[in-house]
Amino acid sequence: MEQKKQNPTAENETLIVSRRIQRVSLHLAPVPRPLHEHDTQEQLGLFPCARSAKLEVETEKLSLYMRGKYREIQEKIYEYFHARPELQTPLEISKDDHRELCWRQMYGLIKEAGIRPLKYVVEDPGKYFAIVEAAGAVDISLGIKLGVQYR
């Protein structure tokens, strides 16, 4: 009978995968170890909430709470950009084209939408940060421009 040659690379990969699975399973269900007299702290363990049932949340109420008191101006920003697909950032865009697009986005936000973020830096910083957060959700580069490069 002919013996098959074993692939050492495949065996090595199998061992690595087995170790990873074992390590992950130990994180999920740790094996208790006995405490020694020099151990001063209890073992790490899962909190009961980690094994509890899925928490049901009223998403609409949570969304209103998370948006805070400036949700109206954030919605205005989202609606402005949603209505102008030419100002939405495409996946593939060159650096120079992206800079030009960011300029058009900022110009439109200020001139067309009437949102002037710098006005709120001193008057109402919370509102300023809400504007920058919403602009950053549209395009992170726009949020950065409004945050550190605004002129």
C-alpha atoms as a PDB file:
ATOM      1  CA  MET A   1       0.000   0.000   0.000  1.00  0.00           C
ATOM      2  CA  GLU A   2       1.128   3.478  -0.815  1.00  0.00           C
ATOM      3  CA  GLN A   3       1.415   5.988   2.038  1.00  0.00           C
ATOM      4  CA  LYS A   4       0.223   9.538   1.470  1.00  0.00           C
ATOM      5  CA  LYS A   5       2.690  12.269   2.254  1.00  0.00           C
ATOM      6  CA  GLN A   6       1.321  14.726   4.769  1.00  0.00           C
ATOM      7  CA  ASN A   7       1.481  18.420   4.091  1.00  0.00           C
ATOM      8  CA  PRO A   8       3.316  20.080   7.027  1.00  0.00           C
ATOM      9  CA  THR A   9       1.914  23.491   6.103  1.00  0.00           C
ATOM     10  CA  ALA A  10      -1.656  22.211   6.260  1.00  0.00           C
ATOM     11  CA  GLU A  11      -0.981  20.580   9.636  1.00  0.00           C
ATOM     12  CA  ASN A  12       0.508  23.818  10.943  1.00  0.00           C
ATOM     13  CA  GLU A  13      -2.502  25.817   9.733  1.00  0.00           C
ATOM     14  CA  THR A  14      -4.852  23.320  11.371  1.00  0.00           C
ATOM     15  CA  LEU A  15      -3.019  23.715  14.686  1.00  0.00           C
ATOM     16  CA  ILE A  16      -3.156  27.506  14.443  1.00  0.00           C
ATOM     17  CA  VAL A  17      -6.884  27.466  13.683  1.00  0.00           C
ATOM     18  CA  SER A  18      -7.528  25.035  16.538  1.00  0.00           C
ATOM     19  CA  ARG A  19      -5.626  27.257  18.987  1.00  0.00           C
ATOM     20  CA  ARG A  20      -7.582  30.324  17.876  1.00  0.00           C
ATOM     21  CA  ILE A  21     -10.904  28.536  18.282  1.00  0.00           C
ATOM     22  CA  GLN A  22      -9.889  27.336  21.729  1.00  0.00           C
ATOM     23  CA  ARG A  23      -8.758  30.819  22.765  1.00  0.00           C
ATOM     24  CA  VAL A  24     -12.019  32.427  21.591  1.00  0.00           C
ATOM     25  CA  SER A  25     -14.078  29.763  23.343  1.00  0.00           C
ATOM     26  CA  LEU A  26     -12.180  30.452  26.576  1.00  0.00           C
ATOM     27  CA  HIS A  27     -13.108  34.122  26.290  1.00  0.00           C
ATOM     28  CA  LEU A  28     -16.759  33.173  25.915  1.00  0.00           C
ATOM     29  CA  ALA A  29     -16.821  30.510  28.633  1.00  0.00           C
ATOM     30  CA  PRO A  30     -13.727  30.800  30.831  1.00  0.00           C
ATOM     31  CA  VAL A  31     -12.574  27.784  32.792  1.00  0.00           C
ATOM     32  CA  PRO A  32     -12.549  28.613  36.501  1.00  0.00           C
ATOM     33  CA  ARG A  33      -9.215  28.155  38.220  1.00  0.00           C
ATOM     34  CA  PRO A  34      -8.703  27.728  41.943  1.00  0.00           C
ATOM     35  CA  LEU A  35      -7.611  30.764  43.912  1.00  0.00           C
ATOM     36  CA  HIS A  36      -4.252  30.610  45.625  1.00  0.00           C
ATOM     37  CA  GLU A  37      -3.624  32.163  49.008  1.00  0.00           C
ATOM     38  CA  HIS A  38      -1.534  34.941  47.412  1.00  0.00           C
ATOM     39  CA  ASP A  39      -4.371  35.926  45.016  1.00  0.00           C
ATOM     40  CA  THR A  40      -5.999  39.072  46.333  1.00  0.00           C
ATOM     41  CA  GLN A  41      -8.536  39.637  43.567  1.00  0.00           C
ATOM     42  CA  GLU A  42     -11.343  37.527  42.283  1.00  0.00           C
ATOM     43  CA  GLN A  43     -11.177  35.997  38.847  1.00  0.00           C
ATOM     44  CA  LEU A  44     -12.423  37.791  35.802  1.00  0.00           C
ATOM     45  CA  GLY A  45     -15.824  36.612  34.713  1.00  0.00           C
ATOM     46  CA  LEU A  46     -18.800  37.489  32.608  1.00  0.00           C
ATOM     47  CA  PHE A  47     -21.363  39.871  33.994  1.00  0.00           C
ATOM     48  CA  PRO A  48     -24.860  38.425  34.078  1.00  0.00           C
ATOM     49  CA  CYS A  49     -25.984  41.041  31.545  1.00  0.00           C
ATOM     50  CA  ALA A  50     -23.619  39.552  28.969  1.00  0.00           C
ATOM     51  CA  ARG A  51     -25.795  36.471  28.826  1.00  0.00           C
ATOM     52  CA  SER A  52     -29.194  38.137  29.113  1.00  0.00           C
ATOM     53  CA  ALA A  53     -31.795  38.336  26.378  1.00  0.00           C
ATOM     54  CA  LYS A  54     -31.732  40.989  23.703  1.00  0.00           C
ATOM     55  CA  LEU A  55     -32.745  44.394  24.983  1.00  0.00           C
ATOM     56  CA  GLU A  56     -35.713  45.871  23.152  1.00  0.00           C
ATOM     57  CA  VAL A  57     -35.370  49.611  22.533  1.00  0.00           C
ATOM     58  CA  GLU A  58     -37.793  52.168  21.161  1.00  0.00           C
ATOM     59  CA  THR A  59     -35.480  53.304  18.374  1.00  0.00           C
ATOM     60  CA  GLU A  60     -37.430  56.450  17.527  1.00  0.00           C
ATOM     61  CA  LYS A  61     -37.244  57.745  21.110  1.00  0.00           C
ATOM     62  CA  LEU A  62     -33.581  56.750  21.402  1.00  0.00           C
ATOM     63  CA  SER A  63     -32.795  58.541  18.137  1.00  0.00           C
ATOM     64  CA  LEU A  64     -34.484  61.732  19.359  1.00  0.00           C
ATOM     65  CA  TYR A  65     -32.560  61.539  22.626  1.00  0.00           C
ATOM     66  CA  MET A  66     -29.215  60.882  20.928  1.00  0.00           C
ATOM     67  CA  ARG A  67     -29.653  63.773  18.510  1.00  0.00           C
ATOM     68  CA  GLY A  68     -30.108  66.171  21.375  1.00  0.00           C
ATOM     69  CA  LYS A  69     -31.625  69.620  21.248  1.00  0.00           C
ATOM     70  CA  TYR A  70     -29.989  70.567  17.932  1.00  0.00           C
ATOM     71  CA  ARG A  71     -31.581  67.864  15.824  1.00  0.00           C
ATOM     72  CA  GLU A  72     -33.502  70.424  13.742  1.00  0.00           C
ATOM     73  CA  ILE A  73     -30.348  72.036  12.359  1.00  0.00           C
ATOM     74  CA  GLN A  74     -28.804  68.608  11.788  1.00  0.00           C
ATOM     75  CA  GLU A  75     -31.904  67.516   9.867  1.00  0.00           C
ATOM     76  CA  LYS A  76     -31.652  70.706   7.805  1.00  0.00           C
ATOM     77  CA  ILE A  77     -28.072  69.774   6.878  1.00  0.00           C
ATOM     78  CA  TYR A  78     -29.023  66.185   5.989  1.00  0.00           C
ATOM     79  CA  GLU A  79     -31.983  67.365   3.887  1.00  0.00           C
ATOM     80  CA  TYR A  80     -29.834  69.948   2.097  1.00  0.00           C
ATOM     81  CA  PHE A  81     -27.265  67.357   1.014  1.00  0.00           C
ATOM     82  CA  HIS A  82     -29.872  64.697   0.289  1.00  0.00           C
ATOM     83  CA  ALA A  83     -31.543  67.094  -2.162  1.00  0.00           C
ATOM     84  CA  ARG A  84     -28.208  67.792  -3.901  1.00  0.00           C
ATOM     85  CA  PRO A  85     -26.683  64.538  -5.144  1.00  0.00           C
ATOM     86  CA  GLU A  86     -23.971  66.508  -6.968  1.00  0.00           C
ATOM     87  CA  LEU A  87     -22.596  67.499  -3.533  1.00  0.00           C
ATOM     88  CA  GLN A  88     -22.472  63.938  -2.197  1.00  0.00           C
ATOM     89  CA  THR A  89     -19.012  62.396  -2.111  1.00  0.00           C
ATOM     90  CA  PRO A  90     -18.510  59.517  -4.552  1.00  0.00           C
ATOM     91  CA  LEU A  91     -16.519  56.457  -3.531  1.00  0.00           C
ATOM     92  CA  GLU A  92     -13.731  57.002  -6.038  1.00  0.00           C
ATOM     93  CA  ILE A  93     -12.548  60.598  -6.246  1.00  0.00           C
ATOM     94  CA  SER A  94      -9.120  62.137  -6.678  1.00  0.00           C
ATOM     95  CA  LYS A  95      -7.604  64.308  -3.958  1.00  0.00           C
ATOM     96  CA  ASP A  96      -7.881  67.478  -6.049  1.00  0.00           C
ATOM     97  CA  ASP A  97     -11.482  66.745  -7.051  1.00  0.00           C
ATOM     98  CA  HIS A  98     -12.332  66.027  -3.421  1.00  0.00           C
ATOM     99  CA  ARG A  99     -10.873  69.342  -2.304  1.00  0.00           C
ATOM    100  CA  GLU A 100     -12.977  71.137  -4.911  1.00  0.00           C
ATOM    101  CA  LEU A 101     -16.063  69.176  -3.834  1.00  0.00           C
ATOM    102  CA  CYS A 102     -15.461  70.070  -0.165  1.00  0.00           C
ATOM    103  CA  TRP A 103     -15.250  73.722  -1.129  1.00  0.00           C
ATOM    104  CA  ARG A 104     -18.571  73.465  -2.994  1.00  0.00           C
ATOM    105  CA  GLN A 105     -20.116  71.602  -0.046  1.00  0.00           C
ATOM    106  CA  MET A 106     -18.999  74.271   2.420  1.00  0.00           C
ATOM    107  CA  TYR A 107     -20.031  77.116   0.127  1.00  0.00           C
ATOM    108  CA  GLY A 108     -23.469  75.558  -0.380  1.00  0.00           C
ATOM    109  CA  LEU A 109     -23.962  74.920   3.310  1.00  0.00           C
ATOM    110  CA  ILE A 110     -23.158  78.539   4.148  1.00  0.00           C
ATOM    111  CA  LYS A 111     -24.610  80.441   1.190  1.00  0.00           C
ATOM    112  CA  GLU A 112     -27.503  78.256   0.045  1.00  0.00           C
ATOM    113  CA  ALA A 113     -28.593  76.526   3.258  1.00  0.00           C
ATOM    114  CA  GLY A 114     -27.852  79.589   5.389  1.00  0.00           C
ATOM    115  CA  ILE A 115     -25.972  77.644   8.047  1.00  0.00           C
ATOM    116  CA  ARG A 116     -23.070  79.638   9.449  1.00  0.00           C
ATOM    117  CA  PRO A 117     -21.174  77.406  11.873  1.00  0.00           C
ATOM    118  CA  LEU A 118     -18.559  79.939  12.955  1.00  0.00           C
ATOM    119  CA  LYS A 119     -21.313  82.171  14.337  1.00  0.00           C
ATOM    120  CA  TYR A 120     -21.997  79.564  17.021  1.00  0.00           C
ATOM    121  CA  VAL A 121     -18.425  78.926  18.183  1.00  0.00           C
ATOM    122  CA  VAL A 122     -18.813  81.565  20.903  1.00  0.00           C
ATOM    123  CA  GLU A 123     -22.599  82.046  21.012  1.00  0.00           C
ATOM    124  CA  ASP A 124     -23.607  78.385  21.325  1.00  0.00           C
ATOM    125  CA  PRO A 125     -20.737  75.860  21.129  1.00  0.00           C
ATOM    126  CA  GLY A 126     -23.143  72.920  21.426  1.00  0.00           C
ATOM    127  CA  LYS A 127     -24.917  74.015  18.276  1.00  0.00           C
ATOM    128  CA  TYR A 128     -21.572  74.504  16.507  1.00  0.00           C
ATOM    129  CA  PHE A 129     -20.499  70.946  17.347  1.00  0.00           C
ATOM    130  CA  ALA A 130     -23.897  69.596  16.240  1.00  0.00           C
ATOM    131  CA  ILE A 131     -23.398  71.301  12.857  1.00  0.00           C
ATOM    132  CA  VAL A 132     -19.854  69.943  12.498  1.00  0.00           C
ATOM    133  CA  GLU A 133     -21.066  66.460  13.494  1.00  0.00           C
ATOM    134  CA  ALA A 134     -23.830  66.498  10.871  1.00  0.00           C
ATOM    135  CA  ALA A 135     -21.478  67.859   8.199  1.00  0.00           C
ATOM    136  CA  GLY A 136     -18.964  65.160   9.104  1.00  0.00           C
ATOM    137  CA  ALA A 137     -21.659  62.524   8.628  1.00  0.00           C
ATOM    138  CA  VAL A 138     -22.111  63.810   5.080  1.00  0.00           C
ATOM    139  CA  ASP A 139     -18.364  63.924   4.382  1.00  0.00           C
ATOM    140  CA  ILE A 140     -15.749  63.651   7.112  1.00  0.00           C
ATOM    141  CA  SER A 141     -13.478  66.030   5.202  1.00  0.00           C
ATOM    142  CA  LEU A 142     -16.222  68.666   5.287  1.00  0.00           C
ATOM    143  CA  GLY A 143     -16.556  68.191   9.052  1.00  0.00           C
ATOM    144  CA  ILE A 144     -12.809  68.671   9.422  1.00  0.00           C
ATOM    145  CA  LYS A 145     -12.856  71.789   7.251  1.00  0.00           C
ATOM    146  CA  LEU A 146     -15.617  73.276   9.397  1.00  0.00           C
ATOM    147  CA  GLY A 147     -13.737  72.293  12.540  1.00  0.00           C
ATOM    148  CA  VAL A 148     -10.135  73.300  11.898  1.00  0.00           C
ATOM    149  CA  GLN A 149      -9.827  74.961   8.505  1.00  0.00           C
ATOM    150  CA  TYR A 150     -12.820  77.271   8.498  1.00  0.00           C
ATOM    151  CA  ARG A 151     -12.107  80.782   7.215  1.00  0.00           C
END
